[in-house]
PDB file of all heavy atoms in Angstrom:
ATOM      1  N   THR A   1     100.861 102.214  95.295  1.00  0.00           N
ATOM      2  CA  THR A   1      99.808 101.208  95.120  1.00  0.00           C
ATOM      3  C   THR A   1      98.400 101.790  95.166  1.00  0.00           C
ATOM      4  O   THR A   1      97.435 101.100  94.820  1.00  0.00           O
ATOM      5  CB  THR A   1      99.931 100.100  96.183  1.00  0.00           C
ATOM      6  OG1 THR A   1      99.830 100.689  97.487  1.00  0.00           O
ATOM      7  CG2 THR A   1     101.253  99.361  96.051  1.00  0.00           C
ATOM      8  N   HIS A   2      98.241 103.062  95.591  1.00  0.00           N
ATOM      9  CA  HIS A   2      96.924 103.705  95.500  1.00  0.00           C
ATOM     10  C   HIS A   2      96.450 103.754  94.049  1.00  0.00           C
ATOM     11  O   HIS A   2      95.249 103.801  93.775  1.00  0.00           O
ATOM     12  CB  HIS A   2      96.975 105.137  96.045  1.00  0.00           C
ATOM     13  CG  HIS A   2      97.049 105.220  97.543  1.00  0.00           C
ATOM     14  ND1 HIS A   2      96.792 104.150  98.357  1.00  0.00           N
ATOM     15  CD2 HIS A   2      97.345 106.267  98.368  1.00  0.00           C
ATOM     16  CE1 HIS A   2      96.927 104.518  99.625  1.00  0.00           C
ATOM     17  NE2 HIS A   2      97.261 105.790  99.653  1.00  0.00           N
ATOM     18  N   PHE A   3      97.414 103.747  93.108  1.00  0.00           N
ATOM     19  CA  PHE A   3      97.083 103.839  91.688  1.00  0.00           C
ATOM     20  C   PHE A   3      96.916 102.466  91.036  1.00  0.00           C
ATOM     21  O   PHE A   3      96.714 102.384  89.827  1.00  0.00           O
ATOM     22  CB  PHE A   3      98.162 104.633  90.943  1.00  0.00           C
ATOM     23  CG  PHE A   3      98.203 106.090  91.308  1.00  0.00           C
ATOM     24  CD1 PHE A   3      99.010 106.532  92.343  1.00  0.00           C
ATOM     25  CD2 PHE A   3      97.423 107.017  90.648  1.00  0.00           C
ATOM     26  CE1 PHE A   3      99.052 107.873  92.699  1.00  0.00           C
ATOM     27  CE2 PHE A   3      97.443 108.358  90.995  1.00  0.00           C
ATOM     28  CZ  PHE A   3      98.266 108.799  92.023  1.00  0.00           C
ATOM     29  N   LYS A   4      96.972 101.412  91.842  1.00  0.00           N
ATOM     30  CA  LYS A   4      96.757 100.071  91.295  1.00  0.00           C
ATOM     31  C   LYS A   4      95.263  99.766  91.316  1.00  0.00           C
ATOM     32  O   LYS A   4      94.680  99.469  92.365  1.00  0.00           O
ATOM     33  CB  LYS A   4      97.528  99.011  92.083  1.00  0.00           C
ATOM     34  CG  LYS A   4      97.453  97.632  91.416  1.00  0.00           C
ATOM     35  CD  LYS A   4      98.261  96.583  92.157  1.00  0.00           C
ATOM     36  CE  LYS A   4      98.173  95.235  91.438  1.00  0.00           C
ATOM     37  NZ  LYS A   4      98.899  94.163  92.164  1.00  0.00           N
ATOM     38  N   VAL A   5      94.654  99.896  90.162  1.00  0.00           N
ATOM     39  CA  VAL A   5      93.207  99.714  90.024  1.00  0.00           C
ATOM     40  C   VAL A   5      92.937  98.810  88.828  1.00  0.00           C
ATOM     41  O   VAL A   5      93.812  98.584  87.991  1.00  0.00           O
ATOM     42  CB  VAL A   5      92.492 101.070  89.823  1.00  0.00           C
ATOM     43  CG1 VAL A   5      92.546 101.918  91.082  1.00  0.00           C
ATOM     44  CG2 VAL A   5      93.088 101.849  88.635  1.00  0.00           C
ATOM     45  N   THR A   6      91.723  98.298  88.773  1.00  0.00           N
ATOM     46  CA  THR A   6      91.308  97.497  87.625  1.00  0.00           C
ATOM     47  C   THR A   6      89.922  97.937  87.170  1.00  0.00           C
ATOM     48  O   THR A   6      89.031  98.061  88.020  1.00  0.00           O
ATOM     49  CB  THR A   6      91.350  95.986  87.948  1.00  0.00           C
ATOM     50  OG1 THR A   6      90.984  95.245  86.789  1.00  0.00           O
ATOM     51  CG2 THR A   6      90.416  95.613  89.092  1.00  0.00           C
ATOM     52  N   PRO A   7      89.716  98.235  85.895  1.00  0.00           N
ATOM     53  CA  PRO A   7      90.717  98.218  84.838  1.00  0.00           C
ATOM     54  C   PRO A   7      91.837  99.215  85.135  1.00  0.00           C
ATOM     55  O   PRO A   7      91.637 100.184  85.863  1.00  0.00           O
ATOM     56  CB  PRO A   7      89.931  98.632  83.588  1.00  0.00           C
ATOM     57  CG  PRO A   7      88.773  99.411  84.116  1.00  0.00           C
ATOM     58  CD  PRO A   7      88.413  98.767  85.416  1.00  0.00           C
ATOM     59  N   PRO A   8      93.011  98.978  84.542  1.00  0.00           N
ATOM     60  CA  PRO A   8      94.150  99.846  84.866  1.00  0.00           C
ATOM     61  C   PRO A   8      94.015 101.237  84.262  1.00  0.00           C
ATOM     62  O   PRO A   8      93.212 101.463  83.357  1.00  0.00           O
ATOM     63  CB  PRO A   8      95.330  99.096  84.243  1.00  0.00           C
ATOM     64  CG  PRO A   8      94.729  98.315  83.116  1.00  0.00           C
ATOM     65  CD  PRO A   8      93.357  97.921  83.582  1.00  0.00           C
ATOM     66  N   LEU A   9      94.781 102.165  84.794  1.00  0.00           N
ATOM     67  CA  LEU A   9      94.891 103.488  84.177  1.00  0.00           C
ATOM     68  C   LEU A   9      95.510 103.320  82.802  1.00  0.00           C
ATOM     69  O   LEU A   9      96.492 102.580  82.638  1.00  0.00           O
ATOM     70  CB  LEU A   9      95.750 104.398  85.059  1.00  0.00           C
ATOM     71  CG  LEU A   9      95.287 104.545  86.516  1.00  0.00           C
ATOM     72  CD1 LEU A   9      96.305 105.370  87.315  1.00  0.00           C
ATOM     73  CD2 LEU A   9      93.907 105.170  86.597  1.00  0.00           C
ATOM     74  N   ARG A  10      94.951 103.973  81.809  1.00  0.00           N
ATOM     75  CA  ARG A  10      95.397 103.782  80.426  1.00  0.00           C
ATOM     76  C   ARG A  10      96.200 104.996  79.935  1.00  0.00           C
ATOM     77  O   ARG A  10      96.969 105.581  80.683  1.00  0.00           O
ATOM     78  CB  ARG A  10      94.183 103.512  79.540  1.00  0.00           C
ATOM     79  CG  ARG A  10      93.341 102.304  79.939  1.00  0.00           C
ATOM     80  CD  ARG A  10      93.993 100.978  79.641  1.00  0.00           C
ATOM     81  NE  ARG A  10      93.077  99.855  79.881  1.00  0.00           N
ATOM     82  CZ  ARG A  10      93.403  98.580  79.752  1.00  0.00           C
ATOM     83  NH1 ARG A  10      94.629  98.244  79.388  1.00  0.00           N
ATOM     84  NH2 ARG A  10      92.524  97.618  79.990  1.00  0.00           N
ATOM     85  N   THR A  11      95.994 105.402  78.689  1.00  0.00           N
ATOM     86  CA  THR A  11      96.781 106.475  78.074  1.00  0.00           C
ATOM     87  C   THR A  11      95.940 107.736  77.916  1.00  0.00           C
ATOM     88  O   THR A  11      94.717 107.710  78.072  1.00  0.00           O
ATOM     89  CB  THR A  11      97.274 106.041  76.687  1.00  0.00           C
ATOM     90  OG1 THR A  11      96.133 105.924  75.814  1.00  0.00           O
ATOM     91  CG2 THR A  11      98.009 104.705  76.752  1.00  0.00           C
ATOM     92  N   GLN A  12      96.596 108.830  77.551  1.00  0.00           N
ATOM     93  CA  GLN A  12      95.867 110.078  77.330  1.00  0.00           C
ATOM     94  C   GLN A  12      94.898 109.942  76.161  1.00  0.00           C
ATOM     95  O   GLN A  12      93.804 110.515  76.173  1.00  0.00           O
ATOM     96  CB  GLN A  12      96.840 111.231  77.074  1.00  0.00           C
ATOM     97  CG  GLN A  12      96.181 112.600  77.068  1.00  0.00           C
ATOM     98  CD  GLN A  12      95.496 112.925  78.389  1.00  0.00           C
ATOM     99  OE1 GLN A  12      96.099 112.815  79.459  1.00  0.00           O
ATOM    100  NE2 GLN A  12      94.227 113.337  78.341  1.00  0.00           N
ATOM    101  N   THR A  13      95.269 109.164  75.149  1.00  0.00           N
ATOM    102  CA  THR A  13      94.366 108.919  74.020  1.00  0.00           C
ATOM    103  C   THR A  13      93.078 108.262  74.502  1.00  0.00           C
ATOM    104  O   THR A  13      91.971 108.622  74.064  1.00  0.00           O
ATOM    105  CB  THR A  13      95.050 108.012  72.972  1.00  0.00           C
ATOM    106  OG1 THR A  13      96.227 108.674  72.491  1.00  0.00           O
ATOM    107  CG2 THR A  13      94.123 107.718  71.802  1.00  0.00           C
ATOM    108  N   ASP A  14      93.215 107.300  75.421  1.00  0.00           N
ATOM    109  CA  ASP A  14      92.033 106.646  75.982  1.00  0.00           C
ATOM    110  C   ASP A  14      91.195 107.629  76.793  1.00  0.00           C
ATOM    111  O   ASP A  14      89.965 107.655  76.680  1.00  0.00           O
ATOM    112  CB  ASP A  14      92.457 105.466  76.868  1.00  0.00           C
ATOM    113  CG  ASP A  14      93.096 104.345  76.075  1.00  0.00           C
ATOM    114  OD1 ASP A  14      92.498 103.904  75.086  1.00  0.00           O
ATOM    115  OD2 ASP A  14      94.211 103.911  76.439  1.00  0.00           O
ATOM    116  N   ILE A  15      91.855 108.441  77.619  1.00  0.00           N
ATOM    117  CA  ILE A  15      91.131 109.426  78.430  1.00  0.00           C
ATOM    118  C   ILE A  15      90.338 110.377  77.537  1.00  0.00           C
ATOM    119  O   ILE A  15      89.163 110.662  77.799  1.00  0.00           O
ATOM    120  CB  ILE A  15      92.099 110.213  79.335  1.00  0.00           C
ATOM    121  CG1 ILE A  15      92.616 109.319  80.467  1.00  0.00           C
ATOM    122  CG2 ILE A  15      91.418 111.453  79.914  1.00  0.00           C
ATOM    123  CD1 ILE A  15      93.598 109.993  81.398  1.00  0.00           C
ATOM    124  N   ASP A  16      90.963 110.851  76.480  1.00  0.00           N
ATOM    125  CA  ASP A  16      90.284 111.778  75.564  1.00  0.00           C
ATOM    126  C   ASP A  16      89.041 111.129  74.952  1.00  0.00           C
ATOM    127  O   ASP A  16      87.975 111.764  74.846  1.00  0.00           O
ATOM    128  CB  ASP A  16      91.240 112.221  74.449  1.00  0.00           C
ATOM    129  CG  ASP A  16      92.381 113.097  74.967  1.00  0.00           C
ATOM    130  OD1 ASP A  16      92.264 113.624  76.096  1.00  0.00           O
ATOM    131  OD2 ASP A  16      93.389 113.228  74.254  1.00  0.00           O
ATOM    132  N   ALA A  17      89.162 109.858  74.572  1.00  0.00           N
ATOM    133  CA  ALA A  17      88.017 109.144  73.986  1.00  0.00           C
ATOM    134  C   ALA A  17      86.931 108.902  75.028  1.00  0.00           C
ATOM    135  O   ALA A  17      85.733 108.995  74.724  1.00  0.00           O
ATOM    136  CB  ALA A  17      88.482 107.816  73.391  1.00  0.00           C
ATOM    137  N   LEU A  18      87.323 108.587  76.249  1.00  0.00           N
ATOM    138  CA  LEU A  18      86.351 108.381  77.327  1.00  0.00           C
ATOM    139  C   LEU A  18      85.585 109.669  77.622  1.00  0.00           C
ATOM    140  O   LEU A  18      84.356 109.649  77.796  1.00  0.00           O
ATOM    141  CB  LEU A  18      87.070 107.887  78.592  1.00  0.00           C
ATOM    142  CG  LEU A  18      87.627 106.460  78.548  1.00  0.00           C
ATOM    143  CD1 LEU A  18      88.610 106.235  79.683  1.00  0.00           C
ATOM    144  CD2 LEU A  18      86.505 105.426  78.600  1.00  0.00           C
ATOM    145  N   ILE A  19      86.299 110.784  77.670  1.00  0.00           N
ATOM    146  CA  ILE A  19      85.639 112.076  77.930  1.00  0.00           C
ATOM    147  C   ILE A  19      84.672 112.410  76.790  1.00  0.00           C
ATOM    148  O   ILE A  19      83.544 112.870  77.027  1.00  0.00           O
ATOM    149  CB  ILE A  19      86.683 113.187  78.139  1.00  0.00           C
ATOM    150  CG1 ILE A  19      87.393 112.975  79.483  1.00  0.00           C
ATOM    151  CG2 ILE A  19      86.029 114.571  78.097  1.00  0.00           C
ATOM    152  CD1 ILE A  19      88.553 113.916  79.742  1.00  0.00           C
ATOM    153  N   ASP A  20      85.085 112.142  75.547  1.00  0.00           N
ATOM    154  CA  ASP A  20      84.180 112.342  74.415  1.00  0.00           C
ATOM    155  C   ASP A  20      82.948 111.444  74.547  1.00  0.00           C
ATOM    156  O   ASP A  20      81.816 111.869  74.255  1.00  0.00           O
ATOM    157  CB  ASP A  20      84.896 112.037  73.094  1.00  0.00           C
ATOM    158  CG  ASP A  20      85.882 113.127  72.690  1.00  0.00           C
ATOM    159  OD1 ASP A  20      85.802 114.235  73.265  1.00  0.00           O
ATOM    160  OD2 ASP A  20      86.743 112.863  71.827  1.00  0.00           O
ATOM    161  N   GLY A  21      83.163 110.210  75.008  1.00  0.00           N
ATOM    162  CA  GLY A  21      82.056 109.283  75.198  1.00  0.00           C
ATOM    163  C   GLY A  21      81.094 109.731  76.277  1.00  0.00           C
ATOM    164  O   GLY A  21      79.878 109.534  76.165  1.00  0.00           O
ATOM    165  N   VAL A  22      81.630 110.346  77.320  1.00  0.00           N
ATOM    166  CA  VAL A  22      80.785 110.916  78.370  1.00  0.00           C
ATOM    167  C   VAL A  22      79.958 112.073  77.806  1.00  0.00           C
ATOM    168  O   VAL A  22      78.753 112.182  78.044  1.00  0.00           O
ATOM    169  CB  VAL A  22      81.646 111.392  79.565  1.00  0.00           C
ATOM    170  CG1 VAL A  22      80.821 112.256  80.507  1.00  0.00           C
ATOM    171  CG2 VAL A  22      82.222 110.201  80.312  1.00  0.00           C
ATOM    172  N   LYS A  23      80.609 112.918  77.046  1.00  0.00           N
ATOM    173  CA  LYS A  23      79.942 114.119  76.532  1.00  0.00           C
ATOM    174  C   LYS A  23      78.853 113.787  75.516  1.00  0.00           C
ATOM    175  O   LYS A  23      77.820 114.471  75.473  1.00  0.00           O
ATOM    176  CB  LYS A  23      80.978 115.068  75.909  1.00  0.00           C
ATOM    177  CG  LYS A  23      81.867 115.759  76.944  1.00  0.00           C
ATOM    178  CD  LYS A  23      82.896 116.659  76.283  1.00  0.00           C
ATOM    179  CE  LYS A  23      83.722 117.421  77.327  1.00  0.00           C
ATOM    180  NZ  LYS A  23      84.772 118.249  76.702  1.00  0.00           N
ATOM    181  N   ASP A  24      79.070 112.755  74.698  1.00  0.00           N
ATOM    182  CA  ASP A  24      78.055 112.472  73.667  1.00  0.00           C
ATOM    183  C   ASP A  24      77.030 111.425  74.119  1.00  0.00           C
ATOM    184  O   ASP A  24      76.138 111.049  73.357  1.00  0.00           O
ATOM    185  CB  ASP A  24      78.706 112.063  72.340  1.00  0.00           C
ATOM    186  CG  ASP A  24      79.382 110.693  72.353  1.00  0.00           C
ATOM    187  OD1 ASP A  24      79.140 109.898  73.275  1.00  0.00           O
ATOM    188  OD2 ASP A  24      80.172 110.413  71.414  1.00  0.00           O
ATOM    189  N   GLY A  25      77.153 110.957  75.373  1.00  0.00           N
ATOM    190  CA  GLY A  25      76.152 110.046  75.916  1.00  0.00           C
ATOM    191  C   GLY A  25      76.416 108.579  75.665  1.00  0.00           C
ATOM    192  O   GLY A  25      75.626 107.724  76.096  1.00  0.00           O
ATOM    193  N   THR A  26      77.515 108.251  74.969  1.00  0.00           N
ATOM    194  CA  THR A  26      77.853 106.834  74.783  1.00  0.00           C
ATOM    195  C   THR A  26      78.079 106.177  76.141  1.00  0.00           C
ATOM    196  O   THR A  26      77.623 105.057  76.395  1.00  0.00           O
ATOM    197  CB  THR A  26      79.123 106.687  73.915  1.00  0.00           C
ATOM    198  OG1 THR A  26      78.882 107.259  72.633  1.00  0.00           O
ATOM    199  CG2 THR A  26      79.504 105.229  73.753  1.00  0.00           C
ATOM    200  N   ILE A  27      78.788 106.884  77.022  1.00  0.00           N
ATOM    201  CA  ILE A  27      78.983 106.424  78.399  1.00  0.00           C
ATOM    202  C   ILE A  27      77.844 106.993  79.229  1.00  0.00           C
ATOM    203  O   ILE A  27      77.667 108.205  79.319  1.00  0.00           O
ATOM    204  CB  ILE A  27      80.356 106.858  78.944  1.00  0.00           C
ATOM    205  CG1 ILE A  27      81.469 106.195  78.115  1.00  0.00           C
ATOM    206  CG2 ILE A  27      80.500 106.501  80.418  1.00  0.00           C
ATOM    207  CD1 ILE A  27      82.864 106.651  78.473  1.00  0.00           C
ATOM    208  N   ASP A  28      77.066 106.121  79.850  1.00  0.00           N
ATOM    209  CA  ASP A  28      75.816 106.520  80.494  1.00  0.00           C
ATOM    210  C   ASP A  28      76.006 107.149  81.861  1.00  0.00           C
ATOM    211  O   ASP A  28      75.178 107.953  82.292  1.00  0.00           O
ATOM    212  CB  ASP A  28      74.906 105.300  80.635  1.00  0.00           C
ATOM    213  CG  ASP A  28      74.585 104.686  79.286  1.00  0.00           C
ATOM    214  OD1 ASP A  28      75.370 103.846  78.814  1.00  0.00           O
ATOM    215  OD2 ASP A  28      73.560 105.062  78.706  1.00  0.00           O
ATOM    216  N   MET A  29      77.063 106.756  82.570  1.00  0.00           N
ATOM    217  CA  MET A  29      77.231 107.246  83.943  1.00  0.00           C
ATOM    218  C   MET A  29      78.686 107.149  84.364  1.00  0.00           C
ATOM    219  O   MET A  29      79.472 106.399  83.775  1.00  0.00           O
ATOM    220  CB  MET A  29      76.336 106.452  84.906  1.00  0.00           C
ATOM    221  CG  MET A  29      76.642 104.987  84.966  1.00  0.00           C
ATOM    222  SD  MET A  29      75.284 103.971  85.637  1.00  0.00           S
ATOM    223  CE  MET A  29      74.268 103.687  84.184  1.00  0.00           C
ATOM    224  N   VAL A  30      79.045 107.941  85.360  1.00  0.00           N
ATOM    225  CA  VAL A  30      80.357 107.824  85.990  1.00  0.00           C
ATOM    226  C   VAL A  30      80.164 107.180  87.361  1.00  0.00           C
ATOM    227  O   VAL A  30      79.087 107.226  87.947  1.00  0.00           O
ATOM    228  CB  VAL A  30      81.053 109.195  86.141  1.00  0.00           C
ATOM    229  CG1 VAL A  30      81.308 109.829  84.794  1.00  0.00           C
ATOM    230  CG2 VAL A  30      80.251 110.118  87.052  1.00  0.00           C
ATOM    231  N   THR A  31      81.214 106.562  87.865  1.00  0.00           N
ATOM    232  CA  THR A  31      81.181 105.967  89.188  1.00  0.00           C
ATOM    233  C   THR A  31      82.487 106.246  89.912  1.00  0.00           C
ATOM    234  O   THR A  31      83.550 106.356  89.277  1.00  0.00           O
ATOM    235  CB  THR A  31      80.954 104.440  89.115  1.00  0.00           C
ATOM    236  OG1 THR A  31      81.100 103.876  90.425  1.00  0.00           O
ATOM    237  CG2 THR A  31      81.951 103.767  88.188  1.00  0.00           C
ATOM    238  N   SER A  32      82.408 106.358  91.227  1.00  0.00           N
ATOM    239  CA  SER A  32      83.641 106.464  92.022  1.00  0.00           C
ATOM    240  C   SER A  32      84.357 105.117  92.043  1.00  0.00           C
ATOM    241  O   SER A  32      85.549 105.052  92.317  1.00  0.00           O
ATOM    242  CB  SER A  32      83.308 106.879  93.459  1.00  0.00           C
ATOM    243  OG  SER A  32      82.615 105.843  94.138  1.00  0.00           O
ATOM    244  N   ASP A  33      83.620 104.020  91.757  1.00  0.00           N
ATOM    245  CA  ASP A  33      84.123 102.648  91.901  1.00  0.00           C
ATOM    246  C   ASP A  33      84.800 102.485  93.266  1.00  0.00           C
ATOM    247  O   ASP A  33      85.888 101.927  93.388  1.00  0.00           O
ATOM    248  CB  ASP A  33      85.084 102.289  90.766  1.00  0.00           C
ATOM    249  CG  ASP A  33      85.170 100.784  90.541  1.00  0.00           C
ATOM    250  OD1 ASP A  33      84.244 100.069  90.963  1.00  0.00           O
ATOM    251  OD2 ASP A  33      86.165 100.323  89.952  1.00  0.00           O
ATOM    252  N   HIS A  34      84.116 102.985  94.287  1.00  0.00           N
ATOM    253  CA  HIS A  34      84.615 103.043  95.666  1.00  0.00           C
ATOM    254  C   HIS A  34      84.875 101.633  96.186  1.00  0.00           C
ATOM    255  O   HIS A  34      83.952 100.828  96.324  1.00  0.00           O
ATOM    256  CB  HIS A  34      83.550 103.746  96.516  1.00  0.00           C
ATOM    257  CG  HIS A  34      83.891 103.924  97.953  1.00  0.00           C
ATOM    258  ND1 HIS A  34      84.675 104.965  98.412  1.00  0.00           N
ATOM    259  CD2 HIS A  34      83.538 103.211  99.056  1.00  0.00           C
ATOM    260  CE1 HIS A  34      84.778 104.897  99.723  1.00  0.00           C
ATOM    261  NE2 HIS A  34      84.103 103.831 100.144  1.00  0.00           N
ATOM    262  N   ASN A  35      86.139 101.314  96.474  1.00  0.00           N
ATOM    263  CA  ASN A  35      86.509  99.967  96.906  1.00  0.00           C
ATOM    264  C   ASN A  35      87.540 100.043  98.027  1.00  0.00           C
ATOM    265  O   ASN A  35      88.746 100.068  97.768  1.00  0.00           O
ATOM    266  CB  ASN A  35      87.048  99.164  95.723  1.00  0.00           C
ATOM    267  CG  ASN A  35      87.287  97.712  96.073  1.00  0.00           C
ATOM    268  OD1 ASN A  35      86.870  97.225  97.120  1.00  0.00           O
ATOM    269  ND2 ASN A  35      87.974  97.002  95.198  1.00  0.00           N
TER     270      ASN A  35
END
């Protein structure tokens, strides 16, 4: 249940796109989403 988060963990395809978004500035910031 440590891995039960929202939004949920997605697929490797999503991770790759998110990392690309971080690198090109589409995604402005990262967060720990500490809860």
